[in-house]
């Protein structure tokens, strides 16, 4: 019986937390990151500010949780692609395509953060982030498989995986900054073309 009670309590806590996060997104959409305050979120959610601090330590913690929640499904999808049985090249290009298209689907949310200095500083910490490193390692594993199967020449898979990840992130950032980003399929194909074949013309070889 206590187990059932604990489950109900946790379920209610999650519902409450999700409601607070939804209120934060509404405030963000109106005020931006710099204009968001814990007072405004509490007012939007219709709760006392103290309730907000039960779930989030401060504004930075709230923003981090919002981004984490928004990106978890993407990481799961990209990981599934990288772990599929397709060829190494197909997996890498499918992963890139989905990486870009995911941000297209949630464009308005992520554009809120793209100009913000604080979140830019957070992005600089990603190199020490476990999720980031796990993702790079997953790409490196695919590259290593491609090397072993003769799809790719012998290169440092981790360094190339880091380059591939940063290329995706740079393109996503560019697309979020643009008012008319164009086709994510074309941009994903460009990344694959450059990283798989290079940029030198045949005459330069």
Protein backbone atom coordinates (compact mmCIF):
# COMPACT_ATOMS: atom_id res chain seq x y z
CA UNK A 1 0.00 0.00 0.00
CA UNK A 2 2.79 2.51 0.82
CA UNK A 3 4.31 1.82 -2.64
CA UNK A 4 1.06 2.75 -4.38
CA UNK A 5 0.81 5.86 -2.24
CA UNK A 6 4.38 6.87 -3.16
CA UNK A 7 3.64 6.34 -6.87
CA UNK A 8 0.58 8.57 -6.68
CA UNK A 9 2.57 11.19 -4.81
CA UNK A 10 5.36 11.13 -7.41
CA UNK A 11 2.85 11.24 -10.27
CA UNK A 12 1.20 14.31 -8.75
CA UNK A 13 4.60 15.91 -8.21
CA UNK A 14 5.47 15.38 -11.88
CA UNK A 15 2.15 16.85 -13.00
CA UNK A 16 2.71 19.87 -10.80
CA UNK A 17 6.28 20.33 -12.05
CA UNK A 18 5.17 20.03 -15.68
CA UNK A 19 2.51 22.66 -15.06
CA UNK A 20 5.11 25.05 -13.67
CA UNK A 21 7.37 24.42 -16.65
CA UNK A 22 4.53 25.08 -19.06
CA UNK A 23 3.91 28.39 -17.30
CA UNK A 24 7.63 29.21 -17.64
CA UNK A 25 7.51 28.54 -21.39
CA UNK A 26 4.58 30.95 -21.74
CA UNK A 27 6.50 33.66 -19.88
CA UNK A 28 9.61 32.96 -21.96
CA UNK A 29 7.65 33.34 -25.18
CA UNK A 30 6.52 36.80 -24.07
CA UNK A 31 9.54 38.13 -22.17
CA UNK A 32 12.55 36.16 -23.42
CA UNK A 33 15.23 34.70 -21.18
CA UNK A 34 16.45 38.02 -19.77
CA UNK A 35 12.90 39.09 -18.90
CA UNK A 36 11.89 35.88 -17.18
CA UNK A 37 11.61 36.04 -13.38
CA UNK A 38 10.56 33.48 -10.80
CA UNK A 39 7.85 35.92 -9.68
CA UNK A 40 6.37 36.05 -13.18
CA UNK A 41 6.42 32.26 -13.54
CA UNK A 42 4.72 31.80 -10.18
CA UNK A 43 2.07 34.37 -11.13
CA UNK A 44 1.55 32.72 -14.53
CA UNK A 45 1.15 29.32 -12.86
CA UNK A 46 -1.15 30.69 -10.16
CA UNK A 47 1.02 29.50 -7.28
CA UNK A 48 3.05 31.10 -4.49
CA UNK A 49 6.68 31.77 -5.39
CA UNK A 50 7.71 29.45 -2.59
CA UNK A 51 6.04 26.58 -4.46
CA UNK A 52 8.28 27.24 -7.44
CA UNK A 53 11.38 26.91 -5.26
CA UNK A 54 10.25 23.49 -4.12
CA UNK A 55 10.93 22.26 -7.67
CA UNK A 56 13.66 24.62 -8.92
CA UNK A 57 16.58 26.16 -7.03
CA UNK A 58 16.62 29.35 -9.10
CA UNK A 59 15.98 30.75 -12.57
CA UNK A 60 19.06 29.06 -14.01
CA UNK A 61 17.92 25.70 -12.68
CA UNK A 62 14.47 26.23 -14.20
CA UNK A 63 15.92 27.14 -17.61
CA UNK A 64 18.27 24.15 -17.53
CA UNK A 65 15.34 21.85 -16.74
CA UNK A 66 13.31 23.30 -19.62
CA UNK A 67 16.09 22.70 -22.14
CA UNK A 68 16.81 19.22 -20.74
CA UNK A 69 13.15 18.24 -21.00
CA UNK A 70 12.96 19.53 -24.55
CA UNK A 71 16.08 17.67 -25.71
CA UNK A 72 15.66 14.28 -24.02
CA UNK A 73 13.31 12.91 -26.73
CA UNK A 74 15.74 14.10 -29.42
CA UNK A 75 18.69 12.33 -27.81
CA UNK A 76 16.65 9.12 -27.59
CA UNK A 77 15.74 9.35 -31.28
CA UNK A 78 19.30 10.09 -32.39
CA UNK A 79 20.68 7.26 -30.27
CA UNK A 80 18.19 4.83 -31.82
CA UNK A 81 19.31 5.90 -35.30
CA UNK A 82 22.98 5.47 -34.42
CA UNK A 83 22.28 2.00 -33.00
CA UNK A 84 20.30 0.82 -36.04
CA UNK A 85 21.52 -1.85 -38.47
CA UNK A 86 21.96 0.52 -41.44
CA UNK A 87 25.36 1.21 -42.97
CA UNK A 88 27.63 3.59 -41.08
CA UNK A 89 27.16 6.32 -43.71
CA UNK A 90 23.38 5.93 -43.67
CA UNK A 91 23.25 6.12 -39.88
CA UNK A 92 25.39 9.24 -39.72
CA UNK A 93 23.39 11.07 -42.39
CA UNK A 94 20.03 9.99 -40.91
CA UNK A 95 21.19 11.17 -37.51
CA UNK A 96 22.21 14.55 -38.93
CA UNK A 97 18.91 14.94 -40.76
CA UNK A 98 16.90 14.16 -37.61
CA UNK A 99 19.10 16.41 -35.48
CA UNK A 100 18.33 19.39 -37.71
CA UNK A 101 14.66 18.59 -38.26
CA UNK A 102 14.02 18.21 -34.52
CA UNK A 103 15.04 21.82 -33.96
CA UNK A 104 12.83 22.84 -36.90
CA UNK A 105 9.87 21.18 -35.20
CA UNK A 106 10.58 23.05 -31.94
CA UNK A 107 11.93 26.17 -33.58
CA UNK A 108 10.00 28.78 -31.60
CA UNK A 109 11.05 27.30 -28.28
CA UNK A 110 14.76 27.05 -29.07
CA UNK A 111 14.91 30.47 -30.73
CA UNK A 112 14.13 31.97 -27.33
CA UNK A 113 17.58 30.89 -26.18
CA UNK A 114 19.72 31.49 -29.24
CA UNK A 115 20.71 35.11 -28.50
CA UNK A 116 20.97 34.77 -24.74
CA UNK A 117 24.44 35.22 -23.21
CA UNK A 118 23.76 32.99 -20.21
CA UNK A 119 22.68 30.05 -22.32
CA UNK A 120 25.64 30.67 -24.63
CA UNK A 121 27.91 30.24 -21.63
CA UNK A 122 26.06 27.05 -20.76
CA UNK A 123 26.77 25.76 -24.28
CA UNK A 124 30.48 26.25 -23.62
CA UNK A 125 30.18 23.76 -20.75
CA UNK A 126 28.79 21.05 -22.99
CA UNK A 127 32.24 19.57 -23.56
CA UNK A 128 32.20 18.40 -19.94
CA UNK A 129 28.59 17.27 -20.11
CA UNK A 130 28.03 13.51 -19.78
CA UNK A 131 25.16 13.47 -22.29
CA UNK A 132 27.28 15.32 -24.86
CA UNK A 133 30.19 12.96 -24.38
CA UNK A 134 27.91 9.93 -24.61
CA UNK A 135 26.52 11.24 -27.89
CA UNK A 136 29.99 11.87 -29.33
CA UNK A 137 31.07 8.39 -28.26
CA UNK A 138 28.02 6.88 -30.00
CA UNK A 139 28.99 8.63 -33.25
CA UNK A 140 32.61 7.53 -32.79
CA UNK A 141 31.42 3.93 -32.46
CA UNK A 142 29.59 4.18 -35.80
CA UNK A 143 32.68 5.69 -37.40
CA UNK A 144 34.84 2.90 -36.00
CA UNK A 145 32.45 0.35 -37.49
CA UNK A 146 32.68 2.13 -40.84
CA UNK A 147 36.48 2.04 -40.67
CA UNK A 148 36.48 -1.67 -39.86
CA UNK A 149 34.06 -2.40 -42.72
CA UNK A 150 36.03 -0.33 -45.22
CA UNK A 151 33.48 2.48 -45.63
CA UNK A 152 35.88 5.08 -44.19
CA UNK A 153 39.64 5.49 -44.26
CA UNK A 154 41.62 5.22 -41.04
CA UNK A 155 41.06 8.34 -38.93
CA UNK A 156 40.67 9.10 -35.23
CA UNK A 157 36.96 8.26 -34.76
CA UNK A 158 36.52 10.34 -31.61
CA UNK A 159 37.97 13.50 -33.18
CA UNK A 160 35.86 13.05 -36.30
CA UNK A 161 32.79 12.39 -34.13
CA UNK A 162 33.45 15.65 -32.27
CA UNK A 163 33.75 17.50 -35.60
CA UNK A 164 30.49 15.95 -36.82
CA UNK A 165 28.63 16.88 -33.65
CA UNK A 166 29.88 20.46 -33.73
CA UNK A 167 28.97 20.76 -37.42
CA UNK A 168 25.41 19.77 -36.58
CA UNK A 169 25.25 22.22 -33.69
CA UNK A 170 26.71 25.06 -35.78
CA UNK A 171 24.17 24.44 -38.55
CA UNK A 172 21.28 24.28 -36.05
CA UNK A 173 22.41 27.58 -34.53
CA UNK A 174 22.65 29.18 -37.98
CA UNK A 175 19.17 27.94 -38.87
CA UNK A 176 17.68 29.26 -35.63
CA UNK A 177 19.21 32.69 -36.32
CA UNK A 178 17.82 32.78 -39.85
CA UNK A 179 14.30 33.99 -40.59
CA UNK A 180 14.19 31.75 -43.66
CA UNK A 181 16.42 28.75 -42.94
CA UNK A 182 15.30 26.72 -45.95
CA UNK A 183 15.29 22.95 -46.13
CA UNK A 184 16.79 21.00 -43.25
CA UNK A 185 17.21 18.08 -45.65
CA UNK A 186 19.48 20.18 -47.89
CA UNK A 187 21.55 21.41 -44.95
CA UNK A 188 21.88 17.88 -43.55
CA UNK A 189 22.98 16.66 -47.00
CA UNK A 190 25.57 19.48 -47.11
CA UNK A 191 27.05 18.37 -43.77
CA UNK A 192 27.23 14.78 -44.97
CA UNK A 193 28.73 15.81 -48.30
CA UNK A 194 31.46 17.91 -46.71
CA UNK A 195 32.32 15.51 -43.91
CA UNK A 196 32.19 12.36 -46.02
CA UNK A 197 33.86 13.72 -49.16
CA UNK A 198 35.68 16.91 -48.15
CA UNK A 199 35.66 20.27 -49.93
CA UNK A 200 38.58 19.92 -52.35
CA UNK A 201 37.77 19.74 -56.03
CA UNK A 202 38.96 16.65 -57.90
CA UNK A 203 41.47 18.76 -59.78
CA UNK A 204 43.12 19.74 -56.52
CA UNK A 205 44.13 16.15 -55.75
